[in-house]
Amino acid sequence: MTSFYEYTSGSLGHKLNKSARLITHKLVRNFRESDIKINAEQWKILLYLYQEDGQTQTSLAESTGKDEPSVSRIVNTMEKFNLVFRTRHPSDRRTNLIFLTENGRDMRETLMSMGKKTNREVTEGIALQEIETCIRVLDKVIENLS
């Protein structure tokens, strides 16, 4: 019978999941230490809105890998903190578009620098070539699963 250690020590999924959780915790700690009052879920939404402002909740759900009710809940909180606002889609009244507020836009550079700082901390002691190889492998995993 395969032990937990035997399975997890060679499991790409287990290592990816654990790494992702630890990176997220580090990012959130960095936010907190810099007195930035957003969580990892809000950061993901902001990141995709920085890429393209005025997205539907459906597209944000697809991009972040979250279900639509979760995105709606996250956006509700972000509205309360004046990071985003909703507006009706001009041709589909059933659909809302999510836009950054001025406050949300103003946070971009600070948040991006925190993301870069976290990436530097996470990859400390790892050669650039190893990081590039890891990224290529992860891109292939994503491609295989998409």
N, C-alpha and C. Protein backbone atom coordinates (compact mmCIF):
# COMPACT_ATOMS: atom_id res chain seq x y z
N MET A 1 0.85 -1.18 0.00
CA MET A 1 0.00 0.00 0.00
C MET A 1 0.90 1.25 0.00
N THR A 2 0.57 2.20 -0.85
CA THR A 2 1.34 3.44 -0.95
C THR A 2 1.04 4.34 0.25
N SER A 3 2.11 4.82 0.88
CA SER A 3 1.93 5.70 2.04
C SER A 3 1.63 7.12 1.56
N PHE A 4 1.14 7.92 2.48
CA PHE A 4 0.87 9.33 2.18
C PHE A 4 2.14 10.01 1.68
N TYR A 5 3.25 9.79 2.38
CA TYR A 5 4.51 10.43 2.00
C TYR A 5 4.96 9.97 0.61
N GLU A 6 4.88 8.67 0.34
CA GLU A 6 5.28 8.17 -0.98
C GLU A 6 4.45 8.82 -2.08
N TYR A 7 3.16 8.95 -1.84
CA TYR A 7 2.29 9.55 -2.85
C TYR A 7 2.58 11.04 -3.01
N THR A 8 2.57 11.78 -1.89
CA THR A 8 2.68 13.24 -1.98
C THR A 8 4.07 13.70 -2.39
N SER A 9 5.11 12.94 -2.07
CA SER A 9 6.47 13.37 -2.42
C SER A 9 6.68 13.39 -3.94
N GLY A 10 5.92 12.60 -4.66
CA GLY A 10 6.05 12.57 -6.12
C GLY A 10 4.84 13.10 -6.86
N SER A 11 3.93 13.72 -6.15
CA SER A 11 2.68 14.19 -6.76
C SER A 11 2.80 15.65 -7.17
N LEU A 12 2.78 15.90 -8.47
CA LEU A 12 2.84 17.27 -8.97
C LEU A 12 1.65 18.08 -8.45
N GLY A 13 0.46 17.51 -8.47
CA GLY A 13 -0.73 18.21 -8.00
C GLY A 13 -0.60 18.62 -6.54
N HIS A 14 -0.11 17.71 -5.71
CA HIS A 14 0.05 18.02 -4.29
C HIS A 14 1.05 19.15 -4.09
N LYS A 15 2.18 19.08 -4.79
CA LYS A 15 3.22 20.10 -4.66
C LYS A 15 2.73 21.46 -5.17
N LEU A 16 2.00 21.45 -6.29
CA LEU A 16 1.47 22.70 -6.84
C LEU A 16 0.46 23.33 -5.88
N ASN A 17 -0.43 22.51 -5.35
CA ASN A 17 -1.45 23.01 -4.43
C ASN A 17 -0.81 23.60 -3.18
N LYS A 18 0.14 22.87 -2.60
CA LYS A 18 0.80 23.36 -1.39
C LYS A 18 1.58 24.64 -1.68
N SER A 19 2.29 24.67 -2.80
CA SER A 19 3.05 25.87 -3.18
C SER A 19 2.12 27.06 -3.38
N ALA A 20 1.03 26.86 -4.09
CA ALA A 20 0.09 27.95 -4.35
C ALA A 20 -0.48 28.51 -3.05
N ARG A 21 -0.83 27.62 -2.12
CA ARG A 21 -1.36 28.08 -0.83
C ARG A 21 -0.32 28.89 -0.07
N LEU A 22 0.92 28.40 -0.05
CA LEU A 22 1.98 29.10 0.68
C LEU A 22 2.31 30.44 0.05
N ILE A 23 2.32 30.50 -1.27
CA ILE A 23 2.59 31.77 -1.96
C ILE A 23 1.47 32.77 -1.65
N THR A 24 0.24 32.30 -1.70
CA THR A 24 -0.90 33.17 -1.38
C THR A 24 -0.81 33.70 0.04
N HIS A 25 -0.47 32.82 0.99
CA HIS A 25 -0.33 33.26 2.38
C HIS A 25 0.78 34.31 2.51
N LYS A 26 1.88 34.11 1.79
CA LYS A 26 2.98 35.08 1.84
C LYS A 26 2.54 36.42 1.27
N LEU A 27 1.84 36.40 0.15
CA LEU A 27 1.34 37.63 -0.46
C LEU A 27 0.41 38.38 0.50
N VAL A 28 -0.50 37.67 1.11
CA VAL A 28 -1.45 38.29 2.03
C VAL A 28 -0.72 38.85 3.25
N ARG A 29 0.30 38.14 3.74
CA ARG A 29 1.12 38.68 4.85
C ARG A 29 1.81 39.96 4.42
N ASN A 30 2.34 39.97 3.19
CA ASN A 30 3.00 41.18 2.70
C ASN A 30 2.01 42.34 2.58
N PHE A 31 0.80 42.05 2.11
CA PHE A 31 -0.24 43.08 2.06
C PHE A 31 -0.49 43.63 3.47
N ARG A 32 -0.71 42.71 4.41
CA ARG A 32 -1.04 43.10 5.78
C ARG A 32 0.08 43.93 6.41
N GLU A 33 1.33 43.50 6.21
CA GLU A 33 2.47 44.23 6.78
C GLU A 33 2.61 45.63 6.18
N SER A 34 2.09 45.82 4.97
CA SER A 34 2.13 47.14 4.32
C SER A 34 0.82 47.89 4.52
N ASP A 35 -0.03 47.38 5.40
CA ASP A 35 -1.32 47.99 5.73
C ASP A 35 -2.24 48.11 4.51
N ILE A 36 -2.16 47.14 3.62
CA ILE A 36 -3.05 47.06 2.46
C ILE A 36 -4.19 46.12 2.84
N LYS A 37 -5.40 46.63 2.79
CA LYS A 37 -6.55 45.90 3.31
C LYS A 37 -7.33 45.19 2.21
N ILE A 38 -6.64 44.32 1.48
CA ILE A 38 -7.35 43.45 0.53
C ILE A 38 -6.89 42.02 0.78
N ASN A 39 -7.72 41.07 0.37
CA ASN A 39 -7.34 39.67 0.51
C ASN A 39 -6.96 39.09 -0.85
N ALA A 40 -6.57 37.83 -0.86
CA ALA A 40 -6.09 37.19 -2.09
C ALA A 40 -7.18 37.13 -3.16
N GLU A 41 -8.41 36.89 -2.77
CA GLU A 41 -9.51 36.82 -3.75
C GLU A 41 -9.74 38.17 -4.41
N GLN A 42 -9.70 39.22 -3.61
CA GLN A 42 -9.87 40.57 -4.16
C GLN A 42 -8.69 40.92 -5.07
N TRP A 43 -7.49 40.52 -4.68
CA TRP A 43 -6.30 40.76 -5.49
C TRP A 43 -6.46 40.13 -6.88
N LYS A 44 -6.96 38.90 -6.93
CA LYS A 44 -7.14 38.23 -8.22
C LYS A 44 -8.11 39.01 -9.11
N ILE A 45 -9.21 39.47 -8.53
CA ILE A 45 -10.18 40.25 -9.29
C ILE A 45 -9.53 41.54 -9.80
N LEU A 46 -8.83 42.24 -8.91
CA LEU A 46 -8.16 43.48 -9.31
C LEU A 46 -7.15 43.23 -10.42
N LEU A 47 -6.39 42.16 -10.30
CA LEU A 47 -5.38 41.85 -11.30
C LEU A 47 -5.99 41.71 -12.69
N TYR A 48 -7.12 41.00 -12.78
CA TYR A 48 -7.77 40.84 -14.08
C TYR A 48 -8.44 42.13 -14.55
N LEU A 49 -8.90 42.96 -13.62
CA LEU A 49 -9.44 44.26 -14.02
C LEU A 49 -8.33 45.21 -14.45
N TYR A 50 -7.14 45.07 -13.89
CA TYR A 50 -6.01 45.88 -14.35
C TYR A 50 -5.65 45.50 -15.79
N GLN A 51 -5.83 44.24 -16.11
CA GLN A 51 -5.58 43.79 -17.47
C GLN A 51 -6.63 44.33 -18.43
N GLU A 52 -7.89 44.26 -18.01
CA GLU A 52 -9.01 44.75 -18.84
C GLU A 52 -10.14 45.20 -17.92
N ASP A 53 -10.32 46.50 -17.82
CA ASP A 53 -11.37 47.06 -16.98
C ASP A 53 -12.72 46.87 -17.67
N GLY A 54 -13.78 46.79 -16.88
CA GLY A 54 -15.12 46.68 -17.45
C GLY A 54 -15.49 45.28 -17.89
N GLN A 55 -15.13 44.29 -17.11
CA GLN A 55 -15.45 42.90 -17.44
C GLN A 55 -16.75 42.47 -16.79
N THR A 56 -17.34 41.43 -17.36
CA THR A 56 -18.53 40.85 -16.75
C THR A 56 -18.12 39.97 -15.57
N GLN A 57 -19.04 39.71 -14.68
CA GLN A 57 -18.78 38.80 -13.57
C GLN A 57 -18.46 37.41 -14.11
N THR A 58 -19.11 37.03 -15.21
CA THR A 58 -18.85 35.72 -15.81
C THR A 58 -17.40 35.61 -16.28
N SER A 59 -16.90 36.64 -16.95
CA SER A 59 -15.51 36.57 -17.43
C SER A 59 -14.53 36.59 -16.26
N LEU A 60 -14.84 37.34 -15.21
CA LEU A 60 -13.99 37.33 -14.02
C LEU A 60 -14.01 35.96 -13.34
N ALA A 61 -15.16 35.33 -13.32
CA ALA A 61 -15.26 33.98 -12.74
C ALA A 61 -14.41 33.00 -13.54
N GLU A 62 -14.50 33.07 -14.85
CA GLU A 62 -13.70 32.18 -15.70
C GLU A 62 -12.21 32.44 -15.51
N SER A 63 -11.81 33.70 -15.48
CA SER A 63 -10.39 34.05 -15.35
C SER A 63 -9.80 33.61 -14.02
N THR A 64 -10.58 33.77 -12.95
CA THR A 64 -10.07 33.48 -11.61
C THR A 64 -10.31 32.03 -11.18
N GLY A 65 -11.10 31.30 -11.95
CA GLY A 65 -11.40 29.91 -11.59
C GLY A 65 -12.39 29.81 -10.44
N LYS A 66 -13.16 30.86 -10.24
CA LYS A 66 -14.17 30.86 -9.17
C LYS A 66 -15.55 30.76 -9.79
N ASP A 67 -16.54 30.33 -9.00
CA ASP A 67 -17.90 30.30 -9.52
C ASP A 67 -18.50 31.71 -9.43
N GLU A 68 -19.55 31.93 -10.19
CA GLU A 68 -20.14 33.28 -10.27
C GLU A 68 -20.68 33.79 -8.93
N PRO A 69 -21.34 32.95 -8.12
CA PRO A 69 -21.78 33.46 -6.81
C PRO A 69 -20.61 33.94 -5.94
N SER A 70 -19.48 33.24 -6.00
CA SER A 70 -18.30 33.66 -5.24
C SER A 70 -17.78 35.00 -5.74
N VAL A 71 -17.72 35.16 -7.05
CA VAL A 71 -17.25 36.43 -7.63
C VAL A 71 -18.21 37.54 -7.23
N SER A 72 -19.49 37.27 -7.26
CA SER A 72 -20.48 38.28 -6.87
C SER A 72 -20.26 38.72 -5.42
N ARG A 73 -20.02 37.77 -4.54
CA ARG A 73 -19.76 38.06 -3.13
C ARG A 73 -18.48 38.89 -2.97
N ILE A 74 -17.43 38.51 -3.69
CA ILE A 74 -16.16 39.25 -3.62
C ILE A 74 -16.35 40.67 -4.13
N VAL A 75 -17.05 40.82 -5.25
CA VAL A 75 -17.30 42.14 -5.83
C VAL A 75 -18.15 42.99 -4.88
N ASN A 76 -19.14 42.38 -4.22
CA ASN A 76 -19.93 43.12 -3.23
C ASN A 76 -19.04 43.75 -2.17
N THR A 77 -18.11 42.96 -1.65
CA THR A 77 -17.18 43.46 -0.63
C THR A 77 -16.30 44.55 -1.21
N MET A 78 -15.82 44.35 -2.43
CA MET A 78 -14.94 45.33 -3.07
C MET A 78 -15.67 46.64 -3.32
N GLU A 79 -16.98 46.56 -3.61
CA GLU A 79 -17.79 47.78 -3.76
C GLU A 79 -17.85 48.55 -2.44
N LYS A 80 -18.01 47.83 -1.34
CA LYS A 80 -18.08 48.47 -0.03
C LYS A 80 -16.80 49.22 0.31
N PHE A 81 -15.67 48.70 -0.19
CA PHE A 81 -14.36 49.32 0.06
C PHE A 81 -13.96 50.29 -1.05
N ASN A 82 -14.92 50.60 -1.94
CA ASN A 82 -14.70 51.57 -3.01
C ASN A 82 -13.52 51.19 -3.93
N LEU A 83 -13.44 49.90 -4.27
CA LEU A 83 -12.41 49.43 -5.19
C LEU A 83 -12.97 49.24 -6.60
N VAL A 84 -14.26 48.88 -6.68
CA VAL A 84 -14.92 48.63 -7.97
C VAL A 84 -16.35 49.15 -7.89
N PHE A 85 -16.96 49.25 -9.07
CA PHE A 85 -18.40 49.51 -9.13
C PHE A 85 -18.99 48.72 -10.28
N ARG A 86 -20.28 48.44 -10.14
CA ARG A 86 -21.02 47.71 -11.18
C ARG A 86 -21.84 48.69 -11.99
N THR A 87 -21.99 48.36 -13.27
CA THR A 87 -22.91 49.11 -14.12
C THR A 87 -23.55 48.11 -15.08
N ARG A 88 -24.76 48.42 -15.50
CA ARG A 88 -25.47 47.53 -16.43
C ARG A 88 -24.77 47.50 -17.78
N HIS A 89 -24.74 46.33 -18.37
CA HIS A 89 -24.21 46.16 -19.72
C HIS A 89 -25.13 46.93 -20.67
N PRO A 90 -24.57 47.69 -21.62
CA PRO A 90 -25.42 48.52 -22.49
C PRO A 90 -26.39 47.74 -23.38
N SER A 91 -26.04 46.49 -23.73
CA SER A 91 -26.93 45.74 -24.63
C SER A 91 -27.56 44.51 -23.97
N ASP A 92 -27.21 44.21 -22.73
CA ASP A 92 -27.77 43.07 -22.02
C ASP A 92 -28.06 43.47 -20.58
N ARG A 93 -29.30 43.83 -20.30
CA ARG A 93 -29.67 44.35 -19.00
C ARG A 93 -29.51 43.33 -17.86
N ARG A 94 -29.38 42.05 -18.22
CA ARG A 94 -29.21 41.00 -17.20
C ARG A 94 -27.76 40.92 -16.72
N THR A 95 -26.87 41.59 -17.43
CA THR A 95 -25.43 41.46 -17.16
C THR A 95 -24.87 42.75 -16.59
N ASN A 96 -24.01 42.60 -15.58
CA ASN A 96 -23.29 43.74 -15.02
C ASN A 96 -21.86 43.76 -15.52
N LEU A 97 -21.33 44.95 -15.70
CA LEU A 97 -19.92 45.13 -15.99
C LEU A 97 -19.26 45.65 -14.72
N ILE A 98 -18.07 45.16 -14.44
CA ILE A 98 -17.34 45.55 -13.24
C ILE A 98 -16.19 46.46 -13.67
N PHE A 99 -16.17 47.65 -13.07
CA PHE A 99 -15.13 48.64 -13.38
C PHE A 99 -14.37 49.00 -12.11
N LEU A 100 -13.12 49.38 -12.28
CA LEU A 100 -12.32 49.90 -11.18
C LEU A 100 -12.77 51.31 -10.82
N THR A 101 -12.78 51.62 -9.54
CA THR A 101 -12.97 53.00 -9.11
C THR A 101 -11.60 53.69 -9.18
N GLU A 102 -11.61 54.98 -8.97
CA GLU A 102 -10.34 55.70 -8.93
C GLU A 102 -9.44 55.13 -7.83
N ASN A 103 -10.04 54.82 -6.69
CA ASN A 103 -9.31 54.21 -5.58
C ASN A 103 -8.70 52.88 -5.99
N GLY A 104 -9.46 52.04 -6.69
CA GLY A 104 -8.96 50.76 -7.16
C GLY A 104 -7.82 50.93 -8.15
N ARG A 105 -7.95 51.89 -9.06
CA ARG A 105 -6.89 52.16 -10.04
C ARG A 105 -5.63 52.69 -9.35
N ASP A 106 -5.83 53.55 -8.35
CA ASP A 106 -4.69 54.15 -7.65
C ASP A 106 -3.86 53.12 -6.88
N MET A 107 -4.45 51.98 -6.55
CA MET A 107 -3.74 50.95 -5.80
C MET A 107 -2.85 50.08 -6.69
N ARG A 108 -3.00 50.21 -7.99
CA ARG A 108 -2.34 49.29 -8.93
C ARG A 108 -0.83 49.18 -8.69
N GLU A 109 -0.12 50.28 -8.69
CA GLU A 109 1.34 50.21 -8.57
C GLU A 109 1.78 49.61 -7.24
N THR A 110 1.09 49.97 -6.18
CA THR A 110 1.42 49.42 -4.86
C THR A 110 1.19 47.92 -4.84
N LEU A 111 0.05 47.48 -5.36
CA LEU A 111 -0.26 46.05 -5.37
C LEU A 111 0.69 45.28 -6.27
N MET A 112 0.99 45.84 -7.44
CA MET A 112 1.91 45.16 -8.35
C MET A 112 3.31 45.06 -7.73
N SER A 113 3.74 46.09 -7.03
CA SER A 113 5.06 46.02 -6.39
C SER A 113 5.06 44.97 -5.27
N MET A 114 3.93 44.83 -4.56
CA MET A 114 3.82 43.79 -3.54
C MET A 114 3.87 42.40 -4.18
N GLY A 115 3.22 42.26 -5.32
CA GLY A 115 3.26 40.99 -6.05
C GLY A 115 4.68 40.65 -6.49
N LYS A 116 5.40 41.65 -7.01
CA LYS A 116 6.79 41.43 -7.42
C LYS A 116 7.67 41.09 -6.23
N LYS A 117 7.46 41.80 -5.13
CA LYS A 117 8.22 41.52 -3.90
C LYS A 117 8.00 40.08 -3.46
N THR A 118 6.75 39.66 -3.47
CA THR A 118 6.42 38.30 -3.05
C THR A 118 7.08 37.30 -3.99
N ASN A 119 7.02 37.55 -5.30
CA ASN A 119 7.66 36.64 -6.25
C ASN A 119 9.17 36.55 -6.01
N ARG A 120 9.80 37.67 -5.69
CA ARG A 120 11.24 37.66 -5.39
C ARG A 120 11.52 36.80 -4.15
N GLU A 121 10.69 36.99 -3.12
CA GLU A 121 10.88 36.23 -1.88
C GLU A 121 10.66 34.74 -2.11
N VAL A 122 9.66 34.42 -2.89
CA VAL A 122 9.31 33.02 -3.15
C VAL A 122 10.40 32.31 -3.96
N THR A 123 11.05 33.03 -4.85
CA THR A 123 12.05 32.41 -5.73
C THR A 123 13.48 32.63 -5.26
N GLU A 124 13.64 33.16 -4.07
CA GLU A 124 14.98 33.39 -3.52
C GLU A 124 15.79 32.10 -3.51
N GLY A 125 17.02 32.18 -4.01
CA GLY A 125 17.90 31.02 -4.02
C GLY A 125 17.66 30.05 -5.17
N ILE A 126 16.76 30.39 -6.07
CA ILE A 126 16.48 29.54 -7.23
C ILE A 126 17.05 30.23 -8.46
N ALA A 127 17.83 29.49 -9.23
CA ALA A 127 18.46 30.05 -10.43
C ALA A 127 17.39 30.46 -11.44
N LEU A 128 17.66 31.55 -12.16
CA LEU A 128 16.72 32.05 -13.17
C LEU A 128 16.37 30.96 -14.18
N GLN A 129 17.34 30.17 -14.59
CA GLN A 129 17.08 29.09 -15.55
C GLN A 129 16.09 28.07 -14.98
N GLU A 130 16.20 27.76 -13.69
CA GLU A 130 15.27 26.83 -13.06
C GLU A 130 13.86 27.41 -13.00
N ILE A 131 13.77 28.69 -12.73
CA ILE A 131 12.45 29.36 -12.69
C ILE A 131 11.83 29.33 -14.09
N GLU A 132 12.61 29.65 -15.10
CA GLU A 132 12.11 29.64 -16.48
C GLU A 132 11.65 28.24 -16.88
N THR A 133 12.40 27.22 -16.49
CA THR A 133 12.01 25.83 -16.78
C THR A 133 10.71 25.49 -16.06
N CYS A 134 10.61 25.89 -14.81
CA CYS A 134 9.40 25.63 -14.03
C CYS A 134 8.19 26.29 -14.68
N ILE A 135 8.35 27.52 -15.11
CA ILE A 135 7.25 28.24 -15.75
C ILE A 135 6.84 27.55 -17.05
N ARG A 136 7.81 27.09 -17.83
CA ARG A 136 7.48 26.37 -19.08
C ARG A 136 6.71 25.09 -18.77
N VAL A 137 7.14 24.36 -17.74
CA VAL A 137 6.46 23.13 -17.36
C VAL A 137 5.04 23.43 -16.90
N LEU A 138 4.88 24.46 -16.08
CA LEU A 138 3.54 24.82 -15.61
C LEU A 138 2.65 25.28 -16.76
N ASP A 139 3.22 26.02 -17.72
CA ASP A 139 2.44 26.40 -18.91
C ASP A 139 1.97 25.17 -19.66
N LYS A 140 2.80 24.14 -19.74
CA LYS A 140 2.42 22.90 -20.41
C LYS A 140 1.32 22.18 -19.64
N VAL A 141 1.43 22.17 -18.32
CA VAL A 141 0.39 21.55 -17.48
C VAL A 141 -0.95 22.27 -17.72
N ILE A 142 -0.90 23.61 -17.72
CA ILE A 142 -2.12 24.40 -17.97
C ILE A 142 -2.68 24.09 -19.34
N GLU A 143 -1.82 24.03 -20.33
CA GLU A 143 -2.25 23.71 -21.70
C GLU A 143 -2.89 22.32 -21.75
N ASN A 144 -2.29 21.34 -21.08
CA ASN A 144 -2.82 19.98 -21.07
C ASN A 144 -4.21 19.91 -20.43
N LEU A 145 -4.45 20.78 -19.47
CA LEU A 145 -5.72 20.72 -18.73
C LEU A 145 -6.78 21.68 -19.28
N SER A 146 -6.40 22.54 -20.19
CA SER A 146 -7.36 23.52 -20.72
C SER A 146 -8.14 22.96 -21.89
